[in-house]
């Protein structure tokens, strides 16, 4: 393959093309990953407009840092970290955790195993999206992205106790909403 010609069907070709700032490669990378990265952005954003802004900021970062991707790991995983970090930077600027208390435990609402029956995945995603920003951020980082409380505390500049309490409060908030929905369903 001659220089400047990239196999855009492969991730390596997409990366090489983007490193060379080939517009076709950038467009192909965007088309391949934009819907998945938009889903990541939606988990951290208050609404679709904010998620769209995060998507744009994230792709700007991806294209500017694509030369650092070494093709050893997953391109999607590398990009996902960029999009999560982009969302976290915006949340830090907004200081969403400024009123968070450093409390180890919040009250536990229920052990009702039936709480999720009749709740669809889209309903659950919508509920998570309605969480207060701080709760949603910690919930997404821990439950969805798999960050530990130590990693969350380092990324957000908060204590591990604050991270734990925000997760506990997020779970309580979600359980309360699920119970409300279940009661309405059962009436």
C-alpha atoms as a PDB file:
ATOM      1  CA  UNK A   1       0.000   0.000   0.000  1.00  0.00           C
ATOM      2  CA  UNK A   2       1.511   3.344  -0.985  1.00  0.00           C
ATOM      3  CA  UNK A   3       1.855   6.259   1.486  1.00  0.00           C
ATOM      4  CA  UNK A   4      -1.381   8.223   1.821  1.00  0.00           C
ATOM      5  CA  UNK A   5      -3.539   5.182   0.926  1.00  0.00           C
ATOM      6  CA  UNK A   6      -5.082   3.567   3.988  1.00  0.00           C
ATOM      7  CA  UNK A   7      -7.333   0.554   4.345  1.00  0.00           C
ATOM      8  CA  UNK A   8     -10.211   2.280   6.114  1.00  0.00           C
ATOM      9  CA  UNK A   9     -11.878  -1.064   6.779  1.00  0.00           C
ATOM     10  CA  UNK A  10      -9.320  -1.857   9.495  1.00  0.00           C
ATOM     11  CA  UNK A  11      -8.726  -0.043  12.768  1.00  0.00           C
ATOM     12  CA  UNK A  12      -5.011   0.160  11.984  1.00  0.00           C
ATOM     13  CA  UNK A  13      -5.802   1.812   8.656  1.00  0.00           C
ATOM     14  CA  UNK A  14      -8.201   4.225  10.325  1.00  0.00           C
ATOM     15  CA  UNK A  15      -5.585   5.148  12.924  1.00  0.00           C
ATOM     16  CA  UNK A  16      -2.820   5.572  10.348  1.00  0.00           C
ATOM     17  CA  UNK A  17      -5.115   7.704   8.200  1.00  0.00           C
ATOM     18  CA  UNK A  18      -6.140   9.872  11.154  1.00  0.00           C
ATOM     19  CA  UNK A  19      -2.506  10.309  12.206  1.00  0.00           C
ATOM     20  CA  UNK A  20      -1.891  11.587   8.665  1.00  0.00           C
ATOM     21  CA  UNK A  21      -4.937  13.878   9.070  1.00  0.00           C
ATOM     22  CA  UNK A  22      -6.682  12.186   6.153  1.00  0.00           C
ATOM     23  CA  UNK A  23     -10.260  13.559   6.152  1.00  0.00           C
ATOM     24  CA  UNK A  24     -11.696  10.298   4.781  1.00  0.00           C
ATOM     25  CA  UNK A  25     -10.136   8.371   7.660  1.00  0.00           C
ATOM     26  CA  UNK A  26     -11.406  10.897  10.203  1.00  0.00           C
ATOM     27  CA  UNK A  27     -14.904  10.696   8.748  1.00  0.00           C
ATOM     28  CA  UNK A  28     -14.791   6.881   8.734  1.00  0.00           C
ATOM     29  CA  UNK A  29     -13.591   6.790  12.368  1.00  0.00           C
ATOM     30  CA  UNK A  30     -16.342   9.217  13.373  1.00  0.00           C
ATOM     31  CA  UNK A  31     -19.008   7.194  11.570  1.00  0.00           C
ATOM     32  CA  UNK A  32     -17.796   3.943  13.083  1.00  0.00           C
ATOM     33  CA  UNK A  33     -17.676   5.141  16.704  1.00  0.00           C
ATOM     34  CA  UNK A  34     -19.884   8.229  17.068  1.00  0.00           C
ATOM     35  CA  UNK A  35     -23.056   6.435  18.170  1.00  0.00           C
ATOM     36  CA  UNK A  36     -21.203   4.387  20.816  1.00  0.00           C
ATOM     37  CA  UNK A  37     -19.349   7.459  22.080  1.00  0.00           C
ATOM     38  CA  UNK A  38     -22.575   9.471  22.101  1.00  0.00           C
ATOM     39  CA  UNK A  39     -24.007   6.849  24.467  1.00  0.00           C
ATOM     40  CA  UNK A  40     -21.030   7.411  26.776  1.00  0.00           C
ATOM     41  CA  UNK A  41     -21.600  11.179  26.597  1.00  0.00           C
ATOM     42  CA  UNK A  42     -25.321  10.796  27.350  1.00  0.00           C
ATOM     43  CA  UNK A  43     -24.518   8.967  30.581  1.00  0.00           C
ATOM     44  CA  UNK A  44     -22.673  12.017  31.890  1.00  0.00           C
ATOM     45  CA  UNK A  45     -24.627  14.860  30.272  1.00  0.00           C
ATOM     46  CA  UNK A  46     -27.787  16.575  31.510  1.00  0.00           C
ATOM     47  CA  UNK A  47     -29.365  16.533  28.054  1.00  0.00           C
ATOM     48  CA  UNK A  48     -28.764  15.707  24.379  1.00  0.00           C
ATOM     49  CA  UNK A  49     -27.316  19.147  23.609  1.00  0.00           C
ATOM     50  CA  UNK A  50     -24.680  18.790  26.301  1.00  0.00           C
ATOM     51  CA  UNK A  51     -23.960  15.236  25.135  1.00  0.00           C
ATOM     52  CA  UNK A  52     -23.518  16.534  21.570  1.00  0.00           C
ATOM     53  CA  UNK A  53     -21.034  19.144  22.851  1.00  0.00           C
ATOM     54  CA  UNK A  54     -19.139  16.425  24.731  1.00  0.00           C
ATOM     55  CA  UNK A  55     -19.107  14.269  21.603  1.00  0.00           C
ATOM     56  CA  UNK A  56     -17.586  17.088  19.585  1.00  0.00           C
ATOM     57  CA  UNK A  57     -14.999  17.904  22.275  1.00  0.00           C
ATOM     58  CA  UNK A  58     -14.150  14.219  22.596  1.00  0.00           C
ATOM     59  CA  UNK A  59     -13.557  13.746  18.877  1.00  0.00           C
ATOM     60  CA  UNK A  60     -11.381  16.859  18.759  1.00  0.00           C
ATOM     61  CA  UNK A  61      -9.263  15.256  21.492  1.00  0.00           C
ATOM     62  CA  UNK A  62      -9.269  11.873  19.733  1.00  0.00           C
ATOM     63  CA  UNK A  63      -8.023  13.416  16.477  1.00  0.00           C
ATOM     64  CA  UNK A  64      -5.378  15.495  18.246  1.00  0.00           C
ATOM     65  CA  UNK A  65      -4.072  12.542  20.317  1.00  0.00           C
ATOM     66  CA  UNK A  66      -4.564   9.656  17.869  1.00  0.00           C
ATOM     67  CA  UNK A  67      -0.799   9.516  17.351  1.00  0.00           C
ATOM     68  CA  UNK A  68      -0.415   8.323  20.956  1.00  0.00           C
ATOM     69  CA  UNK A  69      -2.601   5.257  20.370  1.00  0.00           C
ATOM     70  CA  UNK A  70      -0.219   2.311  20.017  1.00  0.00           C
ATOM     71  CA  UNK A  71      -2.673  -0.221  18.498  1.00  0.00           C
ATOM     72  CA  UNK A  72      -1.795  -2.673  21.273  1.00  0.00           C
ATOM     73  CA  UNK A  73      -5.173  -2.362  22.987  1.00  0.00           C
ATOM     74  CA  UNK A  74      -8.708  -1.683  21.914  1.00  0.00           C
ATOM     75  CA  UNK A  75      -9.238   1.512  19.912  1.00  0.00           C
ATOM     76  CA  UNK A  76     -12.783   1.719  21.244  1.00  0.00           C
ATOM     77  CA  UNK A  77     -11.547   1.375  24.838  1.00  0.00           C
ATOM     78  CA  UNK A  78      -8.920   4.068  24.278  1.00  0.00           C
ATOM     79  CA  UNK A  79     -11.555   6.374  22.801  1.00  0.00           C
ATOM     80  CA  UNK A  80     -14.032   5.606  25.598  1.00  0.00           C
ATOM     81  CA  UNK A  81     -11.464   6.761  28.180  1.00  0.00           C
ATOM     82  CA  UNK A  82     -11.045  10.015  26.251  1.00  0.00           C
ATOM     83  CA  UNK A  83     -14.797  10.615  26.181  1.00  0.00           C
ATOM     84  CA  UNK A  84     -15.224   9.793  29.878  1.00  0.00           C
ATOM     85  CA  UNK A  85     -12.326  12.120  30.732  1.00  0.00           C
ATOM     86  CA  UNK A  86     -13.818  14.855  28.528  1.00  0.00           C
ATOM     87  CA  UNK A  87     -17.113  14.564  30.420  1.00  0.00           C
ATOM     88  CA  UNK A  88     -15.322  14.511  33.772  1.00  0.00           C
ATOM     89  CA  UNK A  89     -13.336  17.652  32.915  1.00  0.00           C
ATOM     90  CA  UNK A  90     -16.573  19.476  32.163  1.00  0.00           C
ATOM     91  CA  UNK A  91     -18.168  18.197  35.370  1.00  0.00           C
ATOM     92  CA  UNK A  92     -15.123  19.273  37.410  1.00  0.00           C
ATOM     93  CA  UNK A  93     -15.357  22.762  35.884  1.00  0.00           C
ATOM     94  CA  UNK A  94     -19.001  22.858  36.975  1.00  0.00           C
ATOM     95  CA  UNK A  95     -17.957  21.619  40.441  1.00  0.00           C
ATOM     96  CA  UNK A  96     -20.856  19.143  40.587  1.00  0.00           C
ATOM     97  CA  UNK A  97     -19.598  17.611  43.828  1.00  0.00           C
ATOM     98  CA  UNK A  98     -19.073  20.871  45.748  1.00  0.00           C
ATOM     99  CA  UNK A  99     -21.902  20.081  48.172  1.00  0.00           C
ATOM    100  CA  UNK A 100     -21.073  16.387  48.520  1.00  0.00           C
ATOM    101  CA  UNK A 101     -20.598  15.260  52.088  1.00  0.00           C
ATOM    102  CA  UNK A 102     -17.811  12.920  53.075  1.00  0.00           C
ATOM    103  CA  UNK A 103     -20.130  10.395  54.660  1.00  0.00           C
ATOM    104  CA  UNK A 104     -19.445   6.694  54.541  1.00  0.00           C
ATOM    105  CA  UNK A 105     -23.009   5.419  54.208  1.00  0.00           C
ATOM    106  CA  UNK A 106     -26.398   6.732  53.205  1.00  0.00           C
ATOM    107  CA  UNK A 107     -29.607   5.018  54.250  1.00  0.00           C
ATOM    108  CA  UNK A 108     -30.560   1.836  52.458  1.00  0.00           C
ATOM    109  CA  UNK A 109     -34.071   1.884  51.030  1.00  0.00           C
ATOM    110  CA  UNK A 110     -34.977  -1.675  50.146  1.00  0.00           C
ATOM    111  CA  UNK A 111     -33.819  -5.192  49.460  1.00  0.00           C
ATOM    112  CA  UNK A 112     -36.921  -5.812  47.304  1.00  0.00           C
ATOM    113  CA  UNK A 113     -35.604  -8.112  44.563  1.00  0.00           C
ATOM    114  CA  UNK A 114     -38.796  -7.463  42.592  1.00  0.00           C
ATOM    115  CA  UNK A 115     -38.048  -3.753  42.252  1.00  0.00           C
ATOM    116  CA  UNK A 116     -36.756  -4.125  38.674  1.00  0.00           C
ATOM    117  CA  UNK A 117     -39.551  -6.330  37.368  1.00  0.00           C
ATOM    118  CA  UNK A 118     -41.412  -4.550  34.625  1.00  0.00           C
ATOM    119  CA  UNK A 119     -38.702  -1.902  34.206  1.00  0.00           C
ATOM    120  CA  UNK A 120     -37.139  -1.843  30.769  1.00  0.00           C
ATOM    121  CA  UNK A 121     -33.530  -0.968  30.061  1.00  0.00           C
ATOM    122  CA  UNK A 122     -34.496   2.326  28.428  1.00  0.00           C
ATOM    123  CA  UNK A 123     -36.550   3.308  31.492  1.00  0.00           C
ATOM    124  CA  UNK A 124     -33.597   2.528  33.734  1.00  0.00           C
ATOM    125  CA  UNK A 125     -31.216   4.546  31.538  1.00  0.00           C
ATOM    126  CA  UNK A 126     -33.669   7.477  31.613  1.00  0.00           C
ATOM    127  CA  UNK A 127     -33.834   7.308  35.414  1.00  0.00           C
ATOM    128  CA  UNK A 128     -30.055   7.293  35.685  1.00  0.00           C
ATOM    129  CA  UNK A 129     -29.995  10.279  33.353  1.00  0.00           C
ATOM    130  CA  UNK A 130     -32.293  12.191  35.730  1.00  0.00           C
ATOM    131  CA  UNK A 131     -30.009  11.686  38.722  1.00  0.00           C
ATOM    132  CA  UNK A 132     -28.398  14.805  40.152  1.00  0.00           C
ATOM    133  CA  UNK A 133     -25.069  15.407  38.375  1.00  0.00           C
ATOM    134  CA  UNK A 134     -22.850  14.286  41.262  1.00  0.00           C
ATOM    135  CA  UNK A 135     -24.779  11.058  41.837  1.00  0.00           C
ATOM    136  CA  UNK A 136     -24.895  10.281  38.110  1.00  0.00           C
ATOM    137  CA  UNK A 137     -21.181  10.925  37.686  1.00  0.00           C
ATOM    138  CA  UNK A 138     -20.086   8.613  40.501  1.00  0.00           C
ATOM    139  CA  UNK A 139     -22.700   5.984  39.578  1.00  0.00           C
ATOM    140  CA  UNK A 140     -21.550   5.914  35.952  1.00  0.00           C
ATOM    141  CA  UNK A 141     -17.871   5.848  36.833  1.00  0.00           C
ATOM    142  CA  UNK A 142     -18.227   3.004  39.330  1.00  0.00           C
ATOM    143  CA  UNK A 143     -21.126   0.884  38.103  1.00  0.00           C
ATOM    144  CA  UNK A 144     -20.903   1.417  34.336  1.00  0.00           C
ATOM    145  CA  UNK A 145     -17.237   2.213  33.674  1.00  0.00           C
ATOM    146  CA  UNK A 146     -15.805   0.059  36.492  1.00  0.00           C
ATOM    147  CA  UNK A 147     -13.610   2.675  38.187  1.00  0.00           C
ATOM    148  CA  UNK A 148     -12.677   2.000  41.807  1.00  0.00           C
ATOM    149  CA  UNK A 149     -13.385   4.593  44.489  1.00  0.00           C
ATOM    150  CA  UNK A 150      -9.654   5.305  44.657  1.00  0.00           C
ATOM    151  CA  UNK A 151      -9.566   6.000  40.892  1.00  0.00           C
ATOM    152  CA  UNK A 152     -12.708   8.137  41.123  1.00  0.00           C
ATOM    153  CA  UNK A 153     -11.251  10.156  43.983  1.00  0.00           C
ATOM    154  CA  UNK A 154      -8.071  10.807  41.992  1.00  0.00           C
ATOM    155  CA  UNK A 155      -9.912  11.752  38.783  1.00  0.00           C
ATOM    156  CA  UNK A 156     -12.409  14.055  40.502  1.00  0.00           C
ATOM    157  CA  UNK A 157     -10.227  15.411  43.300  1.00  0.00           C
ATOM    158  CA  UNK A 158     -12.514  14.136  46.062  1.00  0.00           C
ATOM    159  CA  UNK A 159     -11.988  11.719  48.934  1.00  0.00           C
ATOM    160  CA  UNK A 160     -12.736   8.024  48.594  1.00  0.00           C
ATOM    161  CA  UNK A 161     -15.355   8.457  51.340  1.00  0.00           C
ATOM    162  CA  UNK A 162     -17.130  11.099  49.279  1.00  0.00           C
ATOM    163  CA  UNK A 163     -17.092   8.781  46.290  1.00  0.00           C
ATOM    164  CA  UNK A 164     -18.551   5.948  48.371  1.00  0.00           C
ATOM    165  CA  UNK A 165     -21.236   8.135  49.923  1.00  0.00           C
ATOM    166  CA  UNK A 166     -22.231   9.600  46.555  1.00  0.00           C
ATOM    167  CA  UNK A 167     -22.540   6.079  45.112  1.00  0.00           C
ATOM    168  CA  UNK A 168     -24.625   4.980  48.082  1.00  0.00           C
ATOM    169  CA  UNK A 169     -26.826   8.055  47.759  1.00  0.00           C
ATOM    170  CA  UNK A 170     -27.147   7.491  44.008  1.00  0.00           C
ATOM    171  CA  UNK A 171     -28.293   3.931  44.626  1.00  0.00           C
ATOM    172  CA  UNK A 172     -30.771   5.143  47.245  1.00  0.00           C
ATOM    173  CA  UNK A 173     -32.056   7.821  44.852  1.00  0.00           C
ATOM    174  CA  UNK A 174     -32.471   5.218  42.103  1.00  0.00           C
ATOM    175  CA  UNK A 175     -34.167   2.726  44.428  1.00  0.00           C
ATOM    176  CA  UNK A 176     -36.643   5.381  45.562  1.00  0.00           C
ATOM    177  CA  UNK A 177     -37.556   6.178  41.944  1.00  0.00           C
ATOM    178  CA  UNK A 178     -37.865   2.493  41.098  1.00  0.00           C
ATOM    179  CA  UNK A 179     -40.144   1.952  44.102  1.00  0.00           C
ATOM    180  CA  UNK A 180     -42.326   4.893  43.019  1.00  0.00           C
ATOM    181  CA  UNK A 181     -42.579   3.446  39.514  1.00  0.00           C
ATOM    182  CA  UNK A 182     -43.357  -0.030  40.905  1.00  0.00           C
ATOM    183  CA  UNK A 183     -46.113   1.355  43.151  1.00  0.00           C
ATOM    184  CA  UNK A 184     -47.698   3.152  40.202  1.00  0.00           C
ATOM    185  CA  UNK A 185     -47.507  -0.063  38.155  1.00  0.00           C
ATOM    186  CA  UNK A 186     -49.094  -2.112  40.948  1.00  0.00           C
ATOM    187  CA  UNK A 187     -52.027   0.293  41.461  1.00  0.00           C
END
